């Protein structure tokens, strides 16, 4: 029974560490939005291209956070190490 408790504890710690992956996309998306606003301010006629590129980059960056969330959920609720 001790081994099972140890695996559960390590899984909870791993899930917490996996959720740290959400910090990077948040910072990156904020930085990209700021740079996008600057670019639109400099070239208003290119707004549609800038916004399209910025949204595509934000979507790609967000997948990192979603992968971290999926790993955390798997470790907490569908743990493959608990045979």
Protein backbone atom coordinates (compact mmCIF):
# COMPACT_ATOMS: atom_id res chain seq x y z
CA UNK A 1 0.00 0.00 0.00
CA UNK A 2 2.94 2.34 0.60
CA UNK A 3 4.02 2.12 -3.03
CA UNK A 4 0.53 3.10 -4.22
CA UNK A 5 0.49 6.17 -1.95
CA UNK A 6 3.93 7.17 -3.19
CA UNK A 7 2.80 6.92 -6.84
CA UNK A 8 -0.28 9.04 -6.08
CA UNK A 9 1.84 11.67 -4.33
CA UNK A 10 4.36 11.82 -7.17
CA UNK A 11 1.50 12.04 -9.67
CA UNK A 12 0.02 15.02 -7.81
CA UNK A 13 3.40 16.75 -7.79
CA UNK A 14 3.84 15.97 -11.49
CA UNK A 15 0.40 17.39 -12.26
CA UNK A 16 1.31 20.61 -10.44
CA UNK A 17 4.55 20.88 -12.37
CA UNK A 18 2.67 20.24 -15.64
CA UNK A 19 0.36 23.16 -14.89
CA UNK A 20 3.37 25.48 -14.80
CA UNK A 21 3.31 25.00 -18.59
CA UNK A 22 0.39 27.45 -18.66
CA UNK A 23 2.61 30.37 -17.66
CA UNK A 24 4.66 30.46 -20.86
CA UNK A 25 1.74 30.75 -23.29
CA UNK A 26 0.19 33.50 -21.17
CA UNK A 27 3.35 35.57 -21.27
CA UNK A 28 3.89 34.87 -24.96
CA UNK A 29 0.35 35.78 -25.95
CA UNK A 30 0.48 39.00 -23.98
CA UNK A 31 3.76 39.94 -25.64
CA UNK A 32 2.38 39.07 -29.10
CA UNK A 33 -0.79 41.10 -28.53
CA UNK A 34 1.28 44.11 -27.48
CA UNK A 35 3.51 43.86 -30.53
CA UNK A 36 0.45 43.38 -32.74
CA UNK A 37 -1.11 46.54 -31.35
CA UNK A 38 2.14 48.41 -32.01
CA UNK A 39 2.24 47.11 -35.58
CA UNK A 40 -1.36 48.12 -36.26
CA UNK A 41 -0.57 51.56 -34.83
CA UNK A 42 2.31 51.93 -37.27
CA UNK A 43 0.54 50.45 -40.32
CA UNK A 44 -3.26 50.59 -39.95
CA UNK A 45 -3.76 49.48 -43.56
CA UNK A 46 -2.15 46.09 -42.76
CA UNK A 47 -4.46 45.40 -39.82
CA UNK A 48 -6.10 42.27 -41.27
CA UNK A 49 -2.76 40.60 -42.04
CA UNK A 50 -1.32 41.50 -38.64
CA UNK A 51 -4.36 40.29 -36.70
CA UNK A 52 -4.55 37.05 -38.71
CA UNK A 53 -0.88 36.28 -38.06
CA UNK A 54 -1.18 37.23 -34.39
CA UNK A 55 -4.23 34.98 -33.87
CA UNK A 56 -2.52 32.05 -35.58
CA UNK A 57 0.51 32.51 -33.33
CA UNK A 58 -1.71 32.74 -30.23
CA UNK A 59 -3.48 29.50 -31.20
CA UNK A 60 -0.17 27.68 -31.62
CA UNK A 61 1.12 29.05 -28.30
CA UNK A 62 -2.06 28.03 -26.50
CA UNK A 63 -1.60 24.39 -27.49
CA UNK A 64 1.38 24.21 -25.12
CA UNK A 65 -0.82 25.14 -22.17
CA UNK A 66 -3.51 22.70 -23.27
CA UNK A 67 -0.97 19.87 -23.51
CA UNK A 68 0.14 20.65 -19.95
CA UNK A 69 -3.47 20.55 -18.77
CA UNK A 70 -4.06 17.20 -20.50
CA UNK A 71 -0.94 15.71 -18.86
CA UNK A 72 -2.10 16.96 -15.45
CA UNK A 73 -5.59 15.51 -15.92
CA UNK A 74 -4.19 12.17 -17.02
CA UNK A 75 -1.90 12.02 -13.99
CA UNK A 76 -4.73 12.87 -11.62
CA UNK A 77 -7.67 10.92 -13.02
CA UNK A 78 -6.47 8.30 -15.51
CA UNK A 79 -3.06 7.47 -14.07
CA UNK A 80 -1.34 4.78 -16.13
CA UNK A 81 1.04 4.00 -13.25
CA UNK A 82 -1.76 2.73 -11.01
CA UNK A 83 -2.10 -0.77 -12.37
